[in-house]
Amino acid sequence: MNLKFKDRLKEIRKEQGLSQTMLAERLNINRSAVAKWELGEIEPNLTMLMKICVELGVSADFLIGLQDY
């Protein structure tokens, strides 16, 4: 299945037991940004994408759908 960024972000966040608020706090951003990413309304810039990857322990290739588990 070819999941999009928004779907993969939500899936990984939930697998790790994180709420949108918890992830936002770890990234030092507002929860609404995480919600908008997961709704597909906006996407993070490259710097934030890398922070998300580090925080969630996944590769950018996986998160943007270029690679599966």
PDB file of N, CA and C in Angstrom:
ATOM      1  N   MET A   1       0.841  -1.184   0.000  1.00  0.00           N
ATOM      2  CA  MET A   1       0.000   0.000   0.000  1.00  0.00           C
ATOM      3  C   MET A   1       0.883   1.243   0.000  1.00  0.00           C
ATOM      4  N   ASN A   2       0.554   2.174  -0.850  1.00  0.00           N
ATOM      5  CA  ASN A   2       1.336   3.398  -0.962  1.00  0.00           C
ATOM      6  C   ASN A   2       0.691   4.498  -0.111  1.00  0.00           C
ATOM      7  N   LEU A   3       1.176   4.652   1.107  1.00  0.00           N
ATOM      8  CA  LEU A   3       0.634   5.662   2.005  1.00  0.00           C
ATOM      9  C   LEU A   3       1.304   7.003   1.766  1.00  0.00           C
ATOM     10  N   LYS A   4       0.560   8.051   1.969  1.00  0.00           N
ATOM     11  CA  LYS A   4       1.085   9.402   1.843  1.00  0.00           C
ATOM     12  C   LYS A   4       1.698   9.845   3.174  1.00  0.00           C
ATOM     13  N   PHE A   5       2.425  10.963   3.111  1.00  0.00           N
ATOM     14  CA  PHE A   5       3.052  11.508   4.311  1.00  0.00           C
ATOM     15  C   PHE A   5       2.056  11.622   5.451  1.00  0.00           C
ATOM     16  N   LYS A   6       0.899  12.208   5.185  1.00  0.00           N
ATOM     17  CA  LYS A   6      -0.085  12.440   6.248  1.00  0.00           C
ATOM     18  C   LYS A   6      -0.498  11.140   6.918  1.00  0.00           C
ATOM     19  N   ASP A   7      -0.651  10.086   6.127  1.00  0.00           N
ATOM     20  CA  ASP A   7      -1.065   8.796   6.675  1.00  0.00           C
ATOM     21  C   ASP A   7       0.060   8.142   7.474  1.00  0.00           C
ATOM     22  N   ARG A   8       1.256   8.214   6.937  1.00  0.00           N
ATOM     23  CA  ARG A   8       2.394   7.601   7.636  1.00  0.00           C
ATOM     24  C   ARG A   8       2.700   8.320   8.942  1.00  0.00           C
ATOM     25  N   LEU A   9       2.619   9.635   8.928  1.00  0.00           N
ATOM     26  CA  LEU A   9       2.874  10.389  10.152  1.00  0.00           C
ATOM     27  C   LEU A   9       1.887   9.972  11.235  1.00  0.00           C
ATOM     28  N   LYS A  10       0.625   9.934  10.883  1.00  0.00           N
ATOM     29  CA  LYS A  10      -0.406   9.572  11.860  1.00  0.00           C
ATOM     30  C   LYS A  10      -0.195   8.137  12.362  1.00  0.00           C
ATOM     31  N   GLU A  11       0.105   7.232  11.444  1.00  0.00           N
ATOM     32  CA  GLU A  11       0.311   5.831  11.799  1.00  0.00           C
ATOM     33  C   GLU A  11       1.482   5.669  12.777  1.00  0.00           C
ATOM     34  N   ILE A  12       2.609   6.259  12.455  1.00  0.00           N
ATOM     35  CA  ILE A  12       3.795   6.146  13.315  1.00  0.00           C
ATOM     36  C   ILE A  12       3.563   6.824  14.658  1.00  0.00           C
ATOM     37  N   ARG A  13       2.946   7.999  14.634  1.00  0.00           N
ATOM     38  CA  ARG A  13       2.664   8.709  15.889  1.00  0.00           C
ATOM     39  C   ARG A  13       1.821   7.840  16.811  1.00  0.00           C
ATOM     40  N   LYS A  14       0.771   7.244  16.263  1.00  0.00           N
ATOM     41  CA  LYS A  14      -0.111   6.406  17.077  1.00  0.00           C
ATOM     42  C   LYS A  14       0.588   5.134  17.542  1.00  0.00           C
ATOM     43  N   GLU A  15       1.405   4.525  16.669  1.00  0.00           N
ATOM     44  CA  GLU A  15       2.157   3.321  17.055  1.00  0.00           C
ATOM     45  C   GLU A  15       3.063   3.600  18.239  1.00  0.00           C
ATOM     46  N   GLN A  16       3.570   4.827  18.313  1.00  0.00           N
ATOM     47  CA  GLN A  16       4.475   5.184  19.404  1.00  0.00           C
ATOM     48  C   GLN A  16       3.726   5.731  20.623  1.00  0.00           C
ATOM     49  N   GLY A  17       2.406   5.711  20.560  1.00  0.00           N
ATOM     50  CA  GLY A  17       1.601   6.125  21.703  1.00  0.00           C
ATOM     51  C   GLY A  17       1.615   7.622  21.962  1.00  0.00           C
ATOM     52  N   LEU A  18       1.835   8.393  20.907  1.00  0.00           N
ATOM     53  CA  LEU A  18       1.900   9.839  21.047  1.00  0.00           C
ATOM     54  C   LEU A  18       0.614  10.498  20.570  1.00  0.00           C
ATOM     55  N   SER A  19       0.150  11.479  21.304  1.00  0.00           N
ATOM     56  CA  SER A  19      -0.953  12.304  20.831  1.00  0.00           C
ATOM     57  C   SER A  19      -0.371  13.396  19.932  1.00  0.00           C
ATOM     58  N   GLN A  20      -1.236  14.085  19.225  1.00  0.00           N
ATOM     59  CA  GLN A  20      -0.759  15.214  18.422  1.00  0.00           C
ATOM     60  C   GLN A  20      -0.091  16.246  19.314  1.00  0.00           C
ATOM     61  N   THR A  21      -0.660  16.470  20.473  1.00  0.00           N
ATOM     62  CA  THR A  21      -0.096  17.441  21.413  1.00  0.00           C
ATOM     63  C   THR A  21       1.293  17.026  21.874  1.00  0.00           C
ATOM     64  N   MET A  22       1.455  15.742  22.194  1.00  0.00           N
ATOM     65  CA  MET A  22       2.758  15.262  22.651  1.00  0.00           C
ATOM     66  C   MET A  22       3.821  15.426  21.571  1.00  0.00           C
ATOM     67  N   LEU A  23       3.473  15.070  20.328  1.00  0.00           N
ATOM     68  CA  LEU A  23       4.438  15.219  19.235  1.00  0.00           C
ATOM     69  C   LEU A  23       4.766  16.691  19.029  1.00  0.00           C
ATOM     70  N   ALA A  24       3.757  17.528  19.067  1.00  0.00           N
ATOM     71  CA  ALA A  24       3.979  18.968  18.896  1.00  0.00           C
ATOM     72  C   ALA A  24       4.921  19.508  19.969  1.00  0.00           C
ATOM     73  N   GLU A  25       4.728  19.083  21.196  1.00  0.00           N
ATOM     74  CA  GLU A  25       5.602  19.540  22.283  1.00  0.00           C
ATOM     75  C   GLU A  25       7.041  19.102  22.046  1.00  0.00           C
ATOM     76  N   ARG A  26       7.234  17.881  21.583  1.00  0.00           N
ATOM     77  CA  ARG A  26       8.584  17.381  21.307  1.00  0.00           C
ATOM     78  C   ARG A  26       9.253  18.168  20.179  1.00  0.00           C
ATOM     79  N   LEU A  27       8.416  18.631  19.219  1.00  0.00           N
ATOM     80  CA  LEU A  27       8.951  19.384  18.080  1.00  0.00           C
ATOM     81  C   LEU A  27       8.977  20.887  18.344  1.00  0.00           C
ATOM     82  N   ASN A  28       8.439  21.287  19.491  1.00  0.00           N
ATOM     83  CA  ASN A  28       8.395  22.699  19.889  1.00  0.00           C
ATOM     84  C   ASN A  28       7.564  23.533  18.908  1.00  0.00           C
ATOM     85  N   ILE A  29       6.388  22.993  18.566  1.00  0.00           N
ATOM     86  CA  ILE A  29       5.461  23.674  17.655  1.00  0.00           C
ATOM     87  C   ILE A  29       4.045  23.583  18.222  1.00  0.00           C
ATOM     88  N   ASN A  30       3.084  24.210  17.541  1.00  0.00           N
ATOM     89  CA  ASN A  30       1.685  24.129  17.951  1.00  0.00           C
ATOM     90  C   ASN A  30       1.065  22.817  17.497  1.00  0.00           C
ATOM     91  N   ARG A  31       0.134  22.299  18.277  1.00  0.00           N
ATOM     92  CA  ARG A  31      -0.565  21.073  17.926  1.00  0.00           C
ATOM     93  C   ARG A  31      -1.304  21.205  16.600  1.00  0.00           C
ATOM     94  N   SER A  32      -1.777  22.407  16.314  1.00  0.00           N
ATOM     95  CA  SER A  32      -2.534  22.607  15.075  1.00  0.00           C
ATOM     96  C   SER A  32      -1.696  22.302  13.833  1.00  0.00           C
ATOM     97  N   ALA A  33      -0.386  22.501  13.907  1.00  0.00           N
ATOM     98  CA  ALA A  33       0.479  22.173  12.772  1.00  0.00           C
ATOM     99  C   ALA A  33       0.472  20.666  12.529  1.00  0.00           C
ATOM    100  N   VAL A  34       0.566  19.881  13.589  1.00  0.00           N
ATOM    101  CA  VAL A  34       0.530  18.427  13.458  1.00  0.00           C
ATOM    102  C   VAL A  34      -0.816  17.995  12.878  1.00  0.00           C
ATOM    103  N   ALA A  35      -1.888  18.582  13.375  1.00  0.00           N
ATOM    104  CA  ALA A  35      -3.231  18.255  12.871  1.00  0.00           C
ATOM    105  C   ALA A  35      -3.338  18.567  11.383  1.00  0.00           C
ATOM    106  N   LYS A  36      -2.820  19.697  10.965  1.00  0.00           N
ATOM    107  CA  LYS A  36      -2.882  20.078   9.549  1.00  0.00           C
ATOM    108  C   LYS A  36      -2.039  19.155   8.686  1.00  0.00           C
ATOM    109  N   TRP A  37      -0.893  18.703   9.195  1.00  0.00           N
ATOM    110  CA  TRP A  37      -0.088  17.739   8.453  1.00  0.00           C
ATOM    111  C   TRP A  37      -0.869  16.453   8.248  1.00  0.00           C
ATOM    112  N   GLU A  38      -1.513  15.985   9.329  1.00  0.00           N
ATOM    113  CA  GLU A  38      -2.231  14.713   9.258  1.00  0.00           C
ATOM    114  C   GLU A  38      -3.506  14.806   8.428  1.00  0.00           C
ATOM    115  N   LEU A  39      -4.041  15.984   8.266  1.00  0.00           N
ATOM    116  CA  LEU A  39      -5.207  16.192   7.405  1.00  0.00           C
ATOM    117  C   LEU A  39      -4.795  16.413   5.952  1.00  0.00           C
ATOM    118  N   GLY A  40      -3.507  16.610   5.733  1.00  0.00           N
ATOM    119  CA  GLY A  40      -3.010  16.861   4.384  1.00  0.00           C
ATOM    120  C   GLY A  40      -3.216  18.287   3.926  1.00  0.00           C
ATOM    121  N   GLU A  41      -3.496  19.187   4.861  1.00  0.00           N
ATOM    122  CA  GLU A  41      -3.706  20.595   4.514  1.00  0.00           C
ATOM    123  C   GLU A  41      -2.398  21.304   4.202  1.00  0.00           C
ATOM    124  N   ILE A  42      -1.352  20.938   4.926  1.00  0.00           N
ATOM    125  CA  ILE A  42      -0.015  21.503   4.707  1.00  0.00           C
ATOM    126  C   ILE A  42       0.998  20.387   4.915  1.00  0.00           C
ATOM    127  N   GLU A  43       2.223  20.630   4.500  1.00  0.00           N
ATOM    128  CA  GLU A  43       3.316  19.704   4.754  1.00  0.00           C
ATOM    129  C   GLU A  43       4.464  20.473   5.398  1.00  0.00           C
ATOM    130  N   PRO A  44       5.244  19.811   6.225  1.00  0.00           N
ATOM    131  CA  PRO A  44       6.355  20.498   6.885  1.00  0.00           C
ATOM    132  C   PRO A  44       7.462  20.843   5.903  1.00  0.00           C
ATOM    133  N   ASN A  45       8.231  21.873   6.243  1.00  0.00           N
ATOM    134  CA  ASN A  45       9.397  22.184   5.412  1.00  0.00           C
ATOM    135  C   ASN A  45      10.484  21.139   5.688  1.00  0.00           C
ATOM    136  N   LEU A  46      11.542  21.199   4.919  1.00  0.00           N
ATOM    137  CA  LEU A  46      12.590  20.183   5.005  1.00  0.00           C
ATOM    138  C   LEU A  46      13.214  20.108   6.396  1.00  0.00           C
ATOM    139  N   THR A  47      13.466  21.240   7.000  1.00  0.00           N
ATOM    140  CA  THR A  47      14.059  21.255   8.343  1.00  0.00           C
ATOM    141  C   THR A  47      13.147  20.561   9.336  1.00  0.00           C
ATOM    142  N   MET A  48      11.856  20.868   9.288  1.00  0.00           N
ATOM    143  CA  MET A  48      10.913  20.241  10.208  1.00  0.00           C
ATOM    144  C   MET A  48      10.746  18.763   9.893  1.00  0.00           C
ATOM    145  N   LEU A  49      10.769  18.398   8.618  1.00  0.00           N
ATOM    146  CA  LEU A  49      10.672  16.991   8.240  1.00  0.00           C
ATOM    147  C   LEU A  49      11.805  16.196   8.886  1.00  0.00           C
ATOM    148  N   MET A  50      12.997  16.749   8.864  1.00  0.00           N
ATOM    149  CA  MET A  50      14.137  16.061   9.464  1.00  0.00           C
ATOM    150  C   MET A  50      13.971  15.949  10.983  1.00  0.00           C
ATOM    151  N   LYS A  51      13.426  16.981  11.622  1.00  0.00           N
ATOM    152  CA  LYS A  51      13.172  16.923  13.069  1.00  0.00           C
ATOM    153  C   LYS A  51      12.151  15.838  13.392  1.00  0.00           C
ATOM    154  N   ILE A  52      11.119  15.736  12.564  1.00  0.00           N
ATOM    155  CA  ILE A  52      10.091  14.708  12.756  1.00  0.00           C
ATOM    156  C   ILE A  52      10.731  13.327  12.656  1.00  0.00           C
ATOM    157  N   CYS A  53      11.563  13.133  11.643  1.00  0.00           N
ATOM    158  CA  CYS A  53      12.231  11.846  11.446  1.00  0.00           C
ATOM    159  C   CYS A  53      13.084  11.467  12.642  1.00  0.00           C
ATOM    160  N   VAL A  54      13.840  12.406  13.149  1.00  0.00           N
ATOM    161  CA  VAL A  54      14.689  12.144  14.311  1.00  0.00           C
ATOM    162  C   VAL A  54      13.821  11.811  15.522  1.00  0.00           C
ATOM    163  N   GLU A  55      12.789  12.589  15.742  1.00  0.00           N
ATOM    164  CA  GLU A  55      11.935  12.393  16.909  1.00  0.00           C
ATOM    165  C   GLU A  55      11.209  11.049  16.864  1.00  0.00           C
ATOM    166  N   LEU A  56      10.770  10.647  15.679  1.00  0.00           N
ATOM    167  CA  LEU A  56      10.018   9.399  15.557  1.00  0.00           C
ATOM    168  C   LEU A  56      10.901   8.196  15.228  1.00  0.00           C
ATOM    169  N   GLY A  57      12.170   8.455  14.926  1.00  0.00           N
ATOM    170  CA  GLY A  57      13.101   7.367  14.647  1.00  0.00           C
ATOM    171  C   GLY A  57      12.831   6.654  13.331  1.00  0.00           C
ATOM    172  N   VAL A  58      12.420   7.421  12.332  1.00  0.00           N
ATOM    173  CA  VAL A  58      12.157   6.859  11.001  1.00  0.00           C
ATOM    174  C   VAL A  58      12.933   7.658   9.962  1.00  0.00           C
ATOM    175  N   SER A  59      13.100   7.065   8.782  1.00  0.00           N
ATOM    176  CA  SER A  59      13.806   7.770   7.713  1.00  0.00           C
ATOM    177  C   SER A  59      12.842   8.690   6.970  1.00  0.00           C
ATOM    178  N   ALA A  60      13.399   9.690   6.334  1.00  0.00           N
ATOM    179  CA  ALA A  60      12.587  10.591   5.508  1.00  0.00           C
ATOM    180  C   ALA A  60      11.993   9.809   4.339  1.00  0.00           C
ATOM    181  N   ASP A  61      12.754   8.890   3.770  1.00  0.00           N
ATOM    182  CA  ASP A  61      12.249   8.073   2.667  1.00  0.00           C
ATOM    183  C   ASP A  61      10.997   7.310   3.086  1.00  0.00           C
ATOM    184  N   PHE A  62      11.016   6.763   4.285  1.00  0.00           N
ATOM    185  CA  PHE A  62       9.830   6.056   4.766  1.00  0.00           C
ATOM    186  C   PHE A  62       8.673   7.030   4.978  1.00  0.00           C
ATOM    187  N   LEU A  63       8.949   8.121   5.640  1.00  0.00           N
ATOM    188  CA  LEU A  63       7.880   9.051   6.010  1.00  0.00           C
ATOM    189  C   LEU A  63       7.197   9.675   4.804  1.00  0.00           C
ATOM    190  N   ILE A  64       7.941   9.896   3.724  1.00  0.00           N
ATOM    191  CA  ILE A  64       7.312  10.495   2.547  1.00  0.00           C
ATOM    192  C   ILE A  64       6.851   9.450   1.525  1.00  0.00           C
ATOM    193  N   GLY A  65       6.982   8.166   1.891  1.00  0.00           N
ATOM    194  CA  GLY A  65       6.409   7.120   1.063  1.00  0.00           C
ATOM    195  C   GLY A  65       7.300   6.546  -0.013  1.00  0.00           C
ATOM    196  N   LEU A  66       8.597   6.817   0.026  1.00  0.00           N
ATOM    197  CA  LEU A  66       9.505   6.261  -0.974  1.00  0.00           C
ATOM    198  C   LEU A  66       9.999   4.865  -0.610  1.00  0.00           C
ATOM    199  N   GLN A  67       9.775   4.498   0.652  1.00  0.00           N
ATOM    200  CA  GLN A  67      10.301   3.228   1.158  1.00  0.00           C
ATOM    201  C   GLN A  67       9.292   2.669   2.153  1.00  0.00           C
ATOM    202  N   ASP A  68       9.166   1.342   2.162  1.00  0.00           N
ATOM    203  CA  ASP A  68       8.323   0.685   3.169  1.00  0.00           C
ATOM    204  C   ASP A  68       9.177   0.296   4.341  1.00  0.00           C
ATOM    205  N   TYR A  69       8.531  -0.219   5.373  1.00  0.00           N
ATOM    206  CA  TYR A  69       9.233  -0.620   6.601  1.00  0.00           C
ATOM    207  C   TYR A  69      10.481  -1.336   6.296  1.00  0.00           C
TER     208      TYR A  69
END
